[in-house]
PDB file of N, CA and C in Angstrom:
ATOM      1  N   VAL A   1     124.749 107.688  92.010  1.00  0.00           N
ATOM      2  CA  VAL A   1     124.170 107.864  93.157  1.00  0.00           C
ATOM      3  C   VAL A   1     123.146 106.595  93.511  1.00  0.00           C
ATOM      4  N   GLN A   2     122.980 106.159  94.953  1.00  0.00           N
ATOM      5  CA  GLN A   2     122.562 105.202  95.346  1.00  0.00           C
ATOM      6  C   GLN A   2     122.331 105.526  96.300  1.00  0.00           C
ATOM      7  N   LEU A   3     120.534 104.820  96.951  1.00  0.00           N
ATOM      8  CA  LEU A   3     119.725 105.162  98.004  1.00  0.00           C
ATOM      9  C   LEU A   3     119.327 103.964  98.969  1.00  0.00           C
ATOM     10  N   GLN A   4     120.064 103.399  99.805  1.00  0.00           N
ATOM     11  CA  GLN A   4     119.958 102.503 100.096  1.00  0.00           C
ATOM     12  C   GLN A   4     119.131 102.389 101.589  1.00  0.00           C
ATOM     13  N   ALA A   5     117.840 102.096 101.271  1.00  0.00           N
ATOM     14  CA  ALA A   5     116.686 101.807 102.628  1.00  0.00           C
ATOM     15  C   ALA A   5     116.867 100.670 102.941  1.00  0.00           C
ATOM     16  N   SER A   6     116.502 100.645 104.718  1.00  0.00           N
ATOM     17  CA  SER A   6     116.687  99.079 105.311  1.00  0.00           C
ATOM     18  C   SER A   6     115.423  99.700 106.491  1.00  0.00           C
ATOM     19  N   GLY A   7     115.346  98.697 107.356  1.00  0.00           N
ATOM     20  CA  GLY A   7     114.608  98.697 108.966  1.00  0.00           C
ATOM     21  C   GLY A   7     113.250  98.233 108.401  1.00  0.00           C
ATOM     22  N   GLY A   8     113.023  97.642 107.255  1.00  0.00           N
ATOM     23  CA  GLY A   8     111.131  97.393 106.855  1.00  0.00           C
ATOM     24  C   GLY A   8     111.115  96.322 107.728  1.00  0.00           C
ATOM     25  N   GLY A   9     109.710  96.011 107.655  1.00  0.00           N
ATOM     26  CA  GLY A   9     109.848  94.430 108.158  1.00  0.00           C
ATOM     27  C   GLY A   9     107.862  94.450 108.689  1.00  0.00           C
ATOM     28  N   SER A  10     108.152  93.442 109.329  1.00  0.00           N
ATOM     29  CA  SER A  10     106.345  93.537 109.875  1.00  0.00           C
ATOM     30  C   SER A  10     106.425  93.703 111.447  1.00  0.00           C
ATOM     31  N   VAL A  11     105.271  94.232 111.700  1.00  0.00           N
ATOM     32  CA  VAL A  11     104.995  94.546 113.299  1.00  0.00           C
ATOM     33  C   VAL A  11     103.272  94.584 113.548  1.00  0.00           C
ATOM     34  N   GLN A  12     102.761  94.630 114.757  1.00  0.00           N
ATOM     35  CA  GLN A  12     101.612  94.311 115.097  1.00  0.00           C
ATOM     36  C   GLN A  12     101.090  95.907 115.015  1.00  0.00           C
ATOM     37  N   ALA A  13     100.162  96.539 114.754  1.00  0.00           N
ATOM     38  CA  ALA A  13      99.682  97.729 115.275  1.00  0.00           C
ATOM     39  C   ALA A  13     100.090  98.029 116.694  1.00  0.00           C
ATOM     40  N   GLY A  14     100.268  99.469 116.407  1.00  0.00           N
ATOM     41  CA  GLY A  14     101.123 100.195 117.831  1.00  0.00           C
ATOM     42  C   GLY A  14     102.060  99.712 118.150  1.00  0.00           C
ATOM     43  N   GLY A  15     102.763  99.236 116.946  1.00  0.00           N
ATOM     44  CA  GLY A  15     104.600  98.495 117.319  1.00  0.00           C
ATOM     45  C   GLY A  15     105.374 100.208 116.719  1.00  0.00           C
ATOM     46  N   SER A  16     106.449 100.105 116.217  1.00  0.00           N
ATOM     47  CA  SER A  16     107.421 100.734 116.003  1.00  0.00           C
ATOM     48  C   SER A  16     108.428 100.318 114.748  1.00  0.00           C
ATOM     49  N   LEU A  17     109.010 100.969 114.276  1.00  0.00           N
ATOM     50  CA  LEU A  17     109.519 100.526 113.199  1.00  0.00           C
ATOM     51  C   LEU A  17     110.723 102.221 112.913  1.00  0.00           C
ATOM     52  N   ARG A  18     112.082 101.784 112.329  1.00  0.00           N
ATOM     53  CA  ARG A  18     113.111 102.976 112.503  1.00  0.00           C
ATOM     54  C   ARG A  18     113.443 102.424 111.254  1.00  0.00           C
ATOM     55  N   LEU A  19     113.269 103.115 109.738  1.00  0.00           N
ATOM     56  CA  LEU A  19     114.047 103.106 108.977  1.00  0.00           C
ATOM     57  C   LEU A  19     115.092 103.869 108.657  1.00  0.00           C
ATOM     58  N   SER A  20     116.495 103.333 108.230  1.00  0.00           N
ATOM     59  CA  SER A  20     117.291 103.963 107.237  1.00  0.00           C
ATOM     60  C   SER A  20     117.435 103.939 105.791  1.00  0.00           C
ATOM     61  N   CYS A  21     118.435 105.053 105.523  1.00  0.00           N
ATOM     62  CA  CYS A  21     118.470 105.293 104.187  1.00  0.00           C
ATOM     63  C   CYS A  21     119.731 105.996 104.014  1.00  0.00           C
ATOM     64  N   GLU A  22     120.940 105.083 103.470  1.00  0.00           N
ATOM     65  CA  GLU A  22     122.441 105.490 103.097  1.00  0.00           C
ATOM     66  C   GLU A  22     122.806 105.915 101.884  1.00  0.00           C
ATOM     67  N   ALA A  23     122.916 106.866 101.665  1.00  0.00           N
ATOM     68  CA  ALA A  23     123.078 107.780 100.500  1.00  0.00           C
ATOM     69  C   ALA A  23     124.959 107.841 100.488  1.00  0.00           C
ATOM     70  N   SER A  24     125.147 107.173  98.721  1.00  0.00           N
ATOM     71  CA  SER A  24     126.045 107.530  97.998  1.00  0.00           C
ATOM     72  C   SER A  24     126.327 107.900  96.701  1.00  0.00           C
ATOM     73  N   GLY A  25     127.302 108.421  96.362  1.00  0.00           N
ATOM     74  CA  GLY A  25     127.327 109.158  95.127  1.00  0.00           C
ATOM     75  C   GLY A  25     126.662 110.476  94.492  1.00  0.00           C
ATOM     76  N   LEU A  26     127.169 111.562  95.962  1.00  0.00           N
ATOM     77  CA  LEU A  26     126.286 112.334  96.212  1.00  0.00           C
ATOM     78  C   LEU A  26     126.991 112.993  97.356  1.00  0.00           C
ATOM     79  N   ILE A  27     126.556 114.359  96.994  1.00  0.00           N
ATOM     80  CA  ILE A  27     126.993 115.493  98.012  1.00  0.00           C
ATOM     81  C   ILE A  27     126.252 115.246  99.100  1.00  0.00           C
ATOM     82  N   PHE A  28     126.182 114.805 100.105  1.00  0.00           N
ATOM     83  CA  PHE A  28     124.474 114.087 100.965  1.00  0.00           C
ATOM     84  C   PHE A  28     124.251 115.856 102.027  1.00  0.00           C
ATOM     85  N   ARG A  29     124.845 116.281 102.212  1.00  0.00           N
ATOM     86  CA  ARG A  29     124.869 117.569 102.968  1.00  0.00           C
ATOM     87  C   ARG A  29     124.310 118.513 102.349  1.00  0.00           C
ATOM     88  N   GLY A  30     124.287 118.399 100.743  1.00  0.00           N
ATOM     89  CA  GLY A  30     123.481 119.685 100.068  1.00  0.00           C
ATOM     90  C   GLY A  30     122.206 119.232  99.394  1.00  0.00           C
ATOM     91  N   TYR A  31     121.838 118.491 100.253  1.00  0.00           N
ATOM     92  CA  TYR A  31     120.350 117.461  99.480  1.00  0.00           C
ATOM     93  C   TYR A  31     119.622 117.503 100.861  1.00  0.00           C
ATOM     94  N   VAL A  32     118.293 117.988 100.230  1.00  0.00           N
ATOM     95  CA  VAL A  32     117.126 117.767 100.757  1.00  0.00           C
ATOM     96  C   VAL A  32     117.146 115.992 100.773  1.00  0.00           C
ATOM     97  N   MET A  33     116.739 115.711 102.202  1.00  0.00           N
ATOM     98  CA  MET A  33     115.733 114.270 101.655  1.00  0.00           C
ATOM     99  C   MET A  33     114.140 113.781 102.140  1.00  0.00           C
ATOM    100  N   GLY A  34     113.805 112.862 101.770  1.00  0.00           N
ATOM    101  CA  GLY A  34     112.754 112.317 101.897  1.00  0.00           C
ATOM    102  C   GLY A  34     111.978 111.483 101.855  1.00  0.00           C
ATOM    103  N   TRP A  35     110.875 110.519 102.510  1.00  0.00           N
ATOM    104  CA  TRP A  35     110.703 109.425 102.641  1.00  0.00           C
ATOM    105  C   TRP A  35     109.110 109.785 101.634  1.00  0.00           C
ATOM    106  N   PHE A  36     108.630 108.719 100.932  1.00  0.00           N
ATOM    107  CA  PHE A  36     108.040 108.054 100.579  1.00  0.00           C
ATOM    108  C   PHE A  36     106.944 106.984 100.840  1.00  0.00           C
ATOM    109  N   ARG A  37     105.965 106.887 100.441  1.00  0.00           N
ATOM    110  CA  ARG A  37     104.991 105.261 100.628  1.00  0.00           C
ATOM    111  C   ARG A  37     104.271 105.008  99.121  1.00  0.00           C
ATOM    112  N   GLN A  38     104.421 103.672  99.184  1.00  0.00           N
ATOM    113  CA  GLN A  38     103.015 103.140  98.162  1.00  0.00           C
ATOM    114  C   GLN A  38     102.745 102.236  98.714  1.00  0.00           C
ATOM    115  N   ALA A  39     101.247 101.969  98.679  1.00  0.00           N
ATOM    116  CA  ALA A  39     100.695 101.100  99.654  1.00  0.00           C
ATOM    117  C   ALA A  39     100.196 100.350  98.167  1.00  0.00           C
ATOM    118  N   PRO A  40      99.225  98.823  97.880  1.00  0.00           N
ATOM    119  CA  PRO A  40      99.494  98.134  97.213  1.00  0.00           C
ATOM    120  C   PRO A  40      97.618  98.814  96.930  1.00  0.00           C
ATOM    121  N   GLY A  41      98.161  98.689  95.332  1.00  0.00           N
ATOM    122  CA  GLY A  41      97.296  99.924  94.636  1.00  0.00           C
ATOM    123  C   GLY A  41      96.768 100.940  94.789  1.00  0.00           C
ATOM    124  N   LYS A  42      97.329 101.573  95.719  1.00  0.00           N
ATOM    125  CA  LYS A  42      97.768 103.321  95.276  1.00  0.00           C
ATOM    126  C   LYS A  42      98.537 104.004  95.227  1.00  0.00           C
ATOM    127  N   GLU A  43      98.361 104.829  95.091  1.00  0.00           N
ATOM    128  CA  GLU A  43      99.747 106.353  94.267  1.00  0.00           C
ATOM    129  C   GLU A  43     100.815 106.312  96.042  1.00  0.00           C
ATOM    130  N   ARG A  44     101.753 106.322  94.870  1.00  0.00           N
ATOM    131  CA  ARG A  44     103.170 107.000  95.821  1.00  0.00           C
ATOM    132  C   ARG A  44     102.787 108.492  96.865  1.00  0.00           C
ATOM    133  N   GLU A  45     102.938 108.594  97.960  1.00  0.00           N
ATOM    134  CA  GLU A  45     102.423 109.519  98.543  1.00  0.00           C
ATOM    135  C   GLU A  45     103.618 110.217  99.712  1.00  0.00           C
ATOM    136  N   PHE A  46     104.033 111.495  99.707  1.00  0.00           N
ATOM    137  CA  PHE A  46     104.580 111.661 100.574  1.00  0.00           C
ATOM    138  C   PHE A  46     104.394 111.648 101.836  1.00  0.00           C
ATOM    139  N   VAL A  47     105.807 110.987 102.275  1.00  0.00           N
ATOM    140  CA  VAL A  47     105.454 111.173 104.131  1.00  0.00           C
ATOM    141  C   VAL A  47     105.996 111.939 104.653  1.00  0.00           C
ATOM    142  N   ALA A  48     107.301 112.470 104.506  1.00  0.00           N
ATOM    143  CA  ALA A  48     108.339 113.558 105.276  1.00  0.00           C
ATOM    144  C   ALA A  48     109.034 113.688 104.555  1.00  0.00           C
ATOM    145  N   SER A  49     110.094 114.780 104.981  1.00  0.00           N
ATOM    146  CA  SER A  49     111.217 115.274 104.490  1.00  0.00           C
ATOM    147  C   SER A  49     111.820 116.282 105.504  1.00  0.00           C
ATOM    148  N   VAL A  50     113.025 116.585 105.390  1.00  0.00           N
ATOM    149  CA  VAL A  50     114.037 117.325 105.999  1.00  0.00           C
ATOM    150  C   VAL A  50     115.066 117.969 104.980  1.00  0.00           C
ATOM    151  N   SER A  51     115.596 119.531 105.642  1.00  0.00           N
ATOM    152  CA  SER A  51     115.945 120.247 105.036  1.00  0.00           C
ATOM    153  C   SER A  51     117.377 119.397 105.174  1.00  0.00           C
ATOM    154  N   ALA A  52     118.479 120.020 104.543  1.00  0.00           N
ATOM    155  CA  ALA A  52     120.139 119.342 104.232  1.00  0.00           C
ATOM    156  C   ALA A  52     120.600 119.592 105.403  1.00  0.00           C
ATOM    157  N   THR A  53     120.270 120.800 105.825  1.00  0.00           N
ATOM    158  CA  THR A  53     121.029 121.134 107.693  1.00  0.00           C
ATOM    159  C   THR A  53     120.068 120.153 108.856  1.00  0.00           C
ATOM    160  N   GLY A  54     118.958 119.772 108.356  1.00  0.00           N
ATOM    161  CA  GLY A  54     118.064 119.073 109.214  1.00  0.00           C
ATOM    162  C   GLY A  54     117.489 119.647 109.918  1.00  0.00           C
ATOM    163  N   ARG A  55     117.439 121.179 110.123  1.00  0.00           N
ATOM    164  CA  ARG A  55     116.554 121.953 110.718  1.00  0.00           C
ATOM    165  C   ARG A  55     114.967 121.882 110.720  1.00  0.00           C
ATOM    166  N   THR A  56     114.711 122.090 109.616  1.00  0.00           N
ATOM    167  CA  THR A  56     113.636 121.643 108.972  1.00  0.00           C
ATOM    168  C   THR A  56     112.891 120.417 108.793  1.00  0.00           C
ATOM    169  N   THR A  57     111.890 120.434 108.989  1.00  0.00           N
ATOM    170  CA  THR A  57     111.280 119.073 108.912  1.00  0.00           C
ATOM    171  C   THR A  57     109.683 119.804 108.140  1.00  0.00           C
ATOM    172  N   TYR A  58     109.016 118.410 107.305  1.00  0.00           N
ATOM    173  CA  TYR A  58     107.606 118.592 106.850  1.00  0.00           C
ATOM    174  C   TYR A  58     107.061 117.287 107.240  1.00  0.00           C
ATOM    175  N   TYR A  59     106.048 117.161 107.630  1.00  0.00           N
ATOM    176  CA  TYR A  59     104.939 116.001 107.292  1.00  0.00           C
ATOM    177  C   TYR A  59     103.952 115.872 106.699  1.00  0.00           C
ATOM    178  N   ALA A  60     103.920 114.331 105.778  1.00  0.00           N
ATOM    179  CA  ALA A  60     101.981 114.188 105.725  1.00  0.00           C
ATOM    180  C   ALA A  60     101.251 114.719 106.889  1.00  0.00           C
ATOM    181  N   ASP A  61     100.174 115.367 106.755  1.00  0.00           N
ATOM    182  CA  ASP A  61      99.028 115.156 107.713  1.00  0.00           C
ATOM    183  C   ASP A  61      98.656 113.755 108.921  1.00  0.00           C
ATOM    184  N   SER A  62      98.467 112.972 107.759  1.00  0.00           N
ATOM    185  CA  SER A  62      97.915 111.891 108.673  1.00  0.00           C
ATOM    186  C   SER A  62      99.200 110.945 109.653  1.00  0.00           C
ATOM    187  N   MET A  63     100.442 111.815 109.184  1.00  0.00           N
ATOM    188  CA  MET A  63     102.354 111.276 110.193  1.00  0.00           C
ATOM    189  C   MET A  63     102.350 112.027 111.050  1.00  0.00           C
ATOM    190  N   LYS A  64     101.940 113.111 111.171  1.00  0.00           N
ATOM    191  CA  LYS A  64     102.843 114.409 111.934  1.00  0.00           C
ATOM    192  C   LYS A  64     102.330 113.652 113.149  1.00  0.00           C
ATOM    193  N   GLY A  65     103.499 113.931 113.903  1.00  0.00           N
ATOM    194  CA  GLY A  65     102.798 113.364 115.439  1.00  0.00           C
ATOM    195  C   GLY A  65     103.296 111.655 115.596  1.00  0.00           C
ATOM    196  N   ARG A  66     103.514 110.815 114.839  1.00  0.00           N
ATOM    197  CA  ARG A  66     103.596 109.074 114.972  1.00  0.00           C
ATOM    198  C   ARG A  66     105.090 109.137 114.047  1.00  0.00           C
ATOM    199  N   PHE A  67     105.347 110.020 113.399  1.00  0.00           N
ATOM    200  CA  PHE A  67     106.753 110.272 112.508  1.00  0.00           C
ATOM    201  C   PHE A  67     107.543 110.723 112.750  1.00  0.00           C
ATOM    202  N   THR A  68     108.852 110.252 112.892  1.00  0.00           N
ATOM    203  CA  THR A  68     109.876 111.544 113.229  1.00  0.00           C
ATOM    204  C   THR A  68     111.006 111.529 111.970  1.00  0.00           C
ATOM    205  N   ILE A  69     111.418 112.587 110.980  1.00  0.00           N
ATOM    206  CA  ILE A  69     112.143 112.073 110.216  1.00  0.00           C
ATOM    207  C   ILE A  69     113.309 112.806 111.084  1.00  0.00           C
ATOM    208  N   SER A  70     114.831 112.127 110.526  1.00  0.00           N
ATOM    209  CA  SER A  70     116.051 112.996 110.826  1.00  0.00           C
ATOM    210  C   SER A  70     116.672 112.581 110.010  1.00  0.00           C
ATOM    211  N   ARG A  71     118.382 113.246 110.206  1.00  0.00           N
ATOM    212  CA  ARG A  71     119.467 113.072 109.317  1.00  0.00           C
ATOM    213  C   ARG A  71     120.805 112.754 109.643  1.00  0.00           C
ATOM    214  N   ASP A  72     121.528 112.254 109.646  1.00  0.00           N
ATOM    215  CA  ASP A  72     122.445 112.243 109.963  1.00  0.00           C
ATOM    216  C   ASP A  72     124.344 112.344 108.973  1.00  0.00           C
ATOM    217  N   ASN A  73     124.396 114.151 108.407  1.00  0.00           N
ATOM    218  CA  ASN A  73     124.962 114.298 107.891  1.00  0.00           C
ATOM    219  C   ASN A  73     126.524 113.267 107.767  1.00  0.00           C
ATOM    220  N   ALA A  74     127.126 113.047 109.369  1.00  0.00           N
ATOM    221  CA  ALA A  74     128.174 112.757 109.347  1.00  0.00           C
ATOM    222  C   ALA A  74     128.507 110.990 108.423  1.00  0.00           C
ATOM    223  N   LYS A  75     127.209 110.705 108.665  1.00  0.00           N
ATOM    224  CA  LYS A  75     127.096 109.127 108.341  1.00  0.00           C
ATOM    225  C   LYS A  75     126.064 109.406 106.667  1.00  0.00           C
ATOM    226  N   ASN A  76     126.164 110.208 106.177  1.00  0.00           N
ATOM    227  CA  ASN A  76     125.282 110.107 105.107  1.00  0.00           C
ATOM    228  C   ASN A  76     123.780 109.319 105.089  1.00  0.00           C
ATOM    229  N   THR A  77     123.220 109.126 105.961  1.00  0.00           N
ATOM    230  CA  THR A  77     122.307 108.565 106.039  1.00  0.00           C
ATOM    231  C   THR A  77     120.840 109.362 106.839  1.00  0.00           C
ATOM    232  N   VAL A  78     119.390 108.819 106.313  1.00  0.00           N
ATOM    233  CA  VAL A  78     118.084 109.267 106.794  1.00  0.00           C
ATOM    234  C   VAL A  78     117.268 108.504 107.379  1.00  0.00           C
ATOM    235  N   TYR A  79     116.816 109.275 108.159  1.00  0.00           N
ATOM    236  CA  TYR A  79     116.078 107.771 109.185  1.00  0.00           C
ATOM    237  C   TYR A  79     114.530 108.357 109.007  1.00  0.00           C
ATOM    238  N   LEU A  80     113.542 107.207 109.592  1.00  0.00           N
ATOM    239  CA  LEU A  80     112.324 107.489 109.757  1.00  0.00           C
ATOM    240  C   LEU A  80     111.971 106.920 110.884  1.00  0.00           C
ATOM    241  N   GLN A  81     111.323 107.328 112.168  1.00  0.00           N
ATOM    242  CA  GLN A  81     111.060 106.856 113.132  1.00  0.00           C
ATOM    243  C   GLN A  81     109.963 106.884 113.141  1.00  0.00           C
ATOM    244  N   MET A  82     109.504 105.638 113.185  1.00  0.00           N
ATOM    245  CA  MET A  82     107.720 104.993 113.017  1.00  0.00           C
ATOM    246  C   MET A  82     107.040 104.848 114.408  1.00  0.00           C
ATOM    247  N   ASN A  83     106.429 105.532 114.700  1.00  0.00           N
ATOM    248  CA  ASN A  83     105.356 104.833 116.443  1.00  0.00           C
ATOM    249  C   ASN A  83     104.281 104.930 115.965  1.00  0.00           C
ATOM    250  N   ASP A  84     103.360 103.775 116.830  1.00  0.00           N
ATOM    251  CA  ASP A  84     101.742 104.107 116.989  1.00  0.00           C
ATOM    252  C   ASP A  84     101.535 103.242 115.532  1.00  0.00           C
ATOM    253  N   LEU A  85     102.308 102.627 115.162  1.00  0.00           N
ATOM    254  CA  LEU A  85     101.958 101.781 113.457  1.00  0.00           C
ATOM    255  C   LEU A  85     100.145 101.511 113.211  1.00  0.00           C
ATOM    256  N   LYS A  86     100.063 101.713 112.286  1.00  0.00           N
ATOM    257  CA  LYS A  86      98.610 101.245 112.100  1.00  0.00           C
ATOM    258  C   LYS A  86      98.343 100.497 110.875  1.00  0.00           C
ATOM    259  N   PRO A  87      97.659  99.375 110.984  1.00  0.00           N
ATOM    260  CA  PRO A  87      97.601  99.154 108.986  1.00  0.00           C
ATOM    261  C   PRO A  87      97.612  99.627 108.155  1.00  0.00           C
ATOM    262  N   GLU A  88      97.117 100.515 107.898  1.00  0.00           N
ATOM    263  CA  GLU A  88      96.678 101.389 106.797  1.00  0.00           C
ATOM    264  C   GLU A  88      98.334 102.345 106.568  1.00  0.00           C
ATOM    265  N   ASP A  89      99.166 101.823 107.309  1.00  0.00           N
ATOM    266  CA  ASP A  89     100.681 102.362 106.997  1.00  0.00           C
ATOM    267  C   ASP A  89     101.505 101.726 106.271  1.00  0.00           C
ATOM    268  N   THR A  90     100.593  99.938 106.255  1.00  0.00           N
ATOM    269  CA  THR A  90     101.498  98.945 105.201  1.00  0.00           C
ATOM    270  C   THR A  90     101.576  99.508 104.028  1.00  0.00           C
ATOM    271  N   ALA A  91     103.303  99.746 103.311  1.00  0.00           N
ATOM    272  CA  ALA A  91     103.000  99.985 102.194  1.00  0.00           C
ATOM    273  C   ALA A  91     104.886  99.693 101.681  1.00  0.00           C
ATOM    274  N   VAL A  92     105.078  99.993 100.816  1.00  0.00           N
ATOM    275  CA  VAL A  92     106.586  99.940 100.266  1.00  0.00           C
ATOM    276  C   VAL A  92     107.113 101.772 100.638  1.00  0.00           C
ATOM    277  N   TYR A  93     108.052 101.782 101.652  1.00  0.00           N
ATOM    278  CA  TYR A  93     108.238 102.987 101.935  1.00  0.00           C
ATOM    279  C   TYR A  93     109.802 103.673 101.216  1.00  0.00           C
ATOM    280  N   TYR A  94     110.038 104.258 100.631  1.00  0.00           N
ATOM    281  CA  TYR A  94     111.096 104.850  99.600  1.00  0.00           C
ATOM    282  C   TYR A  94     111.622 106.433 100.056  1.00  0.00           C
ATOM    283  N   CYS A  95     112.923 106.312 100.184  1.00  0.00           N
ATOM    284  CA  CYS A  95     113.949 107.557 100.520  1.00  0.00           C
ATOM    285  C   CYS A  95     113.911 107.866  99.031  1.00  0.00           C
ATOM    286  N   SER A  96     114.235 109.069  99.409  1.00  0.00           N
ATOM    287  CA  SER A  96     114.460 109.927  97.846  1.00  0.00           C
ATOM    288  C   SER A  96     115.244 111.579  98.337  1.00  0.00           C
ATOM    289  N   GLY A  97     115.653 111.698  97.469  1.00  0.00           N
ATOM    290  CA  GLY A  97     116.333 113.136  97.590  1.00  0.00           C
ATOM    291  C   GLY A  97     116.238 114.245  96.733  1.00  0.00           C
ATOM    292  N   GLY A  98     116.089 115.295  96.941  1.00  0.00           N
ATOM    293  CA  GLY A  98     115.724 116.372  95.753  1.00  0.00           C
ATOM    294  C   GLY A  98     116.383 117.800  95.819  1.00  0.00           C
ATOM    295  N   THR A  99     116.133 118.819  95.233  1.00  0.00           N
ATOM    296  CA  THR A  99     117.414 119.768  95.626  1.00  0.00           C
ATOM    297  C   THR A  99     116.460 120.938  96.623  1.00  0.00           C
ATOM    298  N   THR A 100     115.381 121.344  96.896  1.00  0.00           N
ATOM    299  CA  THR A 100     114.458 121.841  97.579  1.00  0.00           C
ATOM    300  C   THR A 100     113.374 120.926  98.494  1.00  0.00           C
ATOM    301  N   MET A 101     113.302 121.957  99.561  1.00  0.00           N
ATOM    302  CA  MET A 101     111.641 120.624 100.089  1.00  0.00           C
ATOM    303  C   MET A 101     110.612 120.563  99.040  1.00  0.00           C
ATOM    304  N   ASP A 102     109.990 121.841  97.957  1.00  0.00           N
ATOM    305  CA  ASP A 102     109.403 121.652  97.042  1.00  0.00           C
ATOM    306  C   ASP A 102     109.388 121.143  96.366  1.00  0.00           C
ATOM    307  N   ASN A 103     110.294 120.850  95.624  1.00  0.00           N
ATOM    308  CA  ASN A 103     111.401 119.896  94.538  1.00  0.00           C
ATOM    309  C   ASN A 103     110.388 118.344  94.834  1.00  0.00           C
ATOM    310  N   LEU A 104     111.237 118.432  96.361  1.00  0.00           N
ATOM    311  CA  LEU A 104     111.280 117.123  96.459  1.00  0.00           C
ATOM    312  C   LEU A 104     109.975 116.354  96.709  1.00  0.00           C
ATOM    313  N   ARG A 105     108.968 117.189  97.003  1.00  0.00           N
ATOM    314  CA  ARG A 105     107.534 116.885  97.770  1.00  0.00           C
ATOM    315  C   ARG A 105     106.654 117.328  96.393  1.00  0.00           C
ATOM    316  N   TYR A 106     106.436 117.847  95.246  1.00  0.00           N
ATOM    317  CA  TYR A 106     105.643 118.158  94.764  1.00  0.00           C
ATOM    318  C   TYR A 106     106.451 117.997  92.964  1.00  0.00           C
ATOM    319  N   ASN A 107     107.693 117.374  92.938  1.00  0.00           N
ATOM    320  CA  ASN A 107     108.104 117.601  91.548  1.00  0.00           C
ATOM    321  C   ASN A 107     109.156 116.346  92.004  1.00  0.00           C
ATOM    322  N   PRO A 108     108.914 114.979  92.194  1.00  0.00           N
ATOM    323  CA  PRO A 108     108.964 113.801  92.663  1.00  0.00           C
ATOM    324  C   PRO A 108     109.852 113.299  91.778  1.00  0.00           C
ATOM    325  N   HIS A 109     109.493 113.552  90.306  1.00  0.00           N
ATOM    326  CA  HIS A 109     109.863 112.683  89.282  1.00  0.00           C
ATOM    327  C   HIS A 109     111.442 113.185  88.802  1.00  0.00           C
ATOM    328  N   ASN A 110     111.884 114.508  89.912  1.00  0.00           N
ATOM    329  CA  ASN A 110     113.425 114.880  89.682  1.00  0.00           C
ATOM    330  C   ASN A 110     114.482 114.374  90.690  1.00  0.00           C
ATOM    331  N   ASN A 111     113.338 113.863  91.640  1.00  0.00           N
ATOM    332  CA  ASN A 111     114.714 113.215  93.038  1.00  0.00           C
ATOM    333  C   ASN A 111     115.179 111.868  92.283  1.00  0.00           C
ATOM    334  N   TYR A 112     115.857 111.618  93.187  1.00  0.00           N
ATOM    335  CA  TYR A 112     116.806 110.566  93.263  1.00  0.00           C
ATOM    336  C   TYR A 112     115.897 109.369  93.954  1.00  0.00           C
ATOM    337  N   TRP A 113     116.358 108.019  94.148  1.00  0.00           N
ATOM    338  CA  TRP A 113     115.263 107.003  94.649  1.00  0.00           C
ATOM    339  C   TRP A 113     116.043 106.470  94.915  1.00  0.00           C
ATOM    340  N   GLY A 114     115.328 105.738  96.033  1.00  0.00           N
ATOM    341  CA  GLY A 114     116.541 104.374  96.315  1.00  0.00           C
ATOM    342  C   GLY A 114     115.191 103.197  96.032  1.00  0.00           C
ATOM    343  N   GLN A 115     115.312 101.941  96.962  1.00  0.00           N
ATOM    344  CA  GLN A 115     114.750 100.749  96.015  1.00  0.00           C
ATOM    345  C   GLN A 115     113.543 100.762  97.033  1.00  0.00           C
ATOM    346  N   GLY A 116     113.750 100.840  97.955  1.00  0.00           N
ATOM    347  CA  GLY A 116     112.569 100.614  98.990  1.00  0.00           C
ATOM    348  C   GLY A 116     112.305  99.622  99.820  1.00  0.00           C
ATOM    349  N   THR A 117     111.848  99.667 100.628  1.00  0.00           N
ATOM    350  CA  THR A 117     111.561  98.526 102.381  1.00  0.00           C
ATOM    351  C   THR A 117     110.216  98.215 102.297  1.00  0.00           C
ATOM    352  N   LEU A 118     109.755  97.383 102.652  1.00  0.00           N
ATOM    353  CA  LEU A 118     108.874  97.065 102.845  1.00  0.00           C
ATOM    354  C   LEU A 118     107.985  96.928 104.103  1.00  0.00           C
ATOM    355  N   VAL A 119     106.979  97.760 104.938  1.00  0.00           N
ATOM    356  CA  VAL A 119     106.861  97.743 106.452  1.00  0.00           C
ATOM    357  C   VAL A 119     105.418  97.500 105.887  1.00  0.00           C
ATOM    358  N   THR A 120     104.878  95.986 106.751  1.00  0.00           N
ATOM    359  CA  THR A 120     103.300  95.618 107.276  1.00  0.00           C
ATOM    360  C   THR A 120     103.181  95.676 108.884  1.00  0.00           C
ATOM    361  N   VAL A 121     102.473  96.262 108.301  1.00  0.00           N
ATOM    362  CA  VAL A 121     101.551  96.648 109.923  1.00  0.00           C
ATOM    363  C   VAL A 121     100.133  95.278 110.099  1.00  0.00           C
ATOM    364  N   SER A 122     100.295  94.958 110.823  1.00  0.00           N
ATOM    365  CA  SER A 122      98.920  94.073 111.316  1.00  0.00           C
ATOM    366  C   SER A 122      97.955  93.913 112.447  1.00  0.00           C
ATOM    367  N   SER A 123      96.871  94.313 111.980  1.00  0.00           N
ATOM    368  CA  SER A 123      95.812  94.088 113.323  1.00  0.00           C
ATOM    369  C   SER A 123      95.540  93.283 114.523  1.00  0.00           C
TER     370      SER A 123
END
């Protein structure tokens, strides 16, 4: 299984970025997908998840209204649209695949993981 994340970069506060993660080696439409992030010196935290069909999404409270997760099962790709970025959003963002929404978020050690993409937000 490979999860290839891309789209990170450096932006100023208030800017936007769109992350993508293309999956291979798994039946993509059968997996819940999500994004996590890890800031320097901090623990990894949940960002957002999307159900296998794309109909259900969950967000961490601090991302609600600013971030949007979506997926295209025809392209085996999950996206994270990030708007109104803040310096505290600076982190390495990882895409992840899991079996259920709860397992992906609360039992991440069982997830598939990508290599991460760095997002840097300057003030």
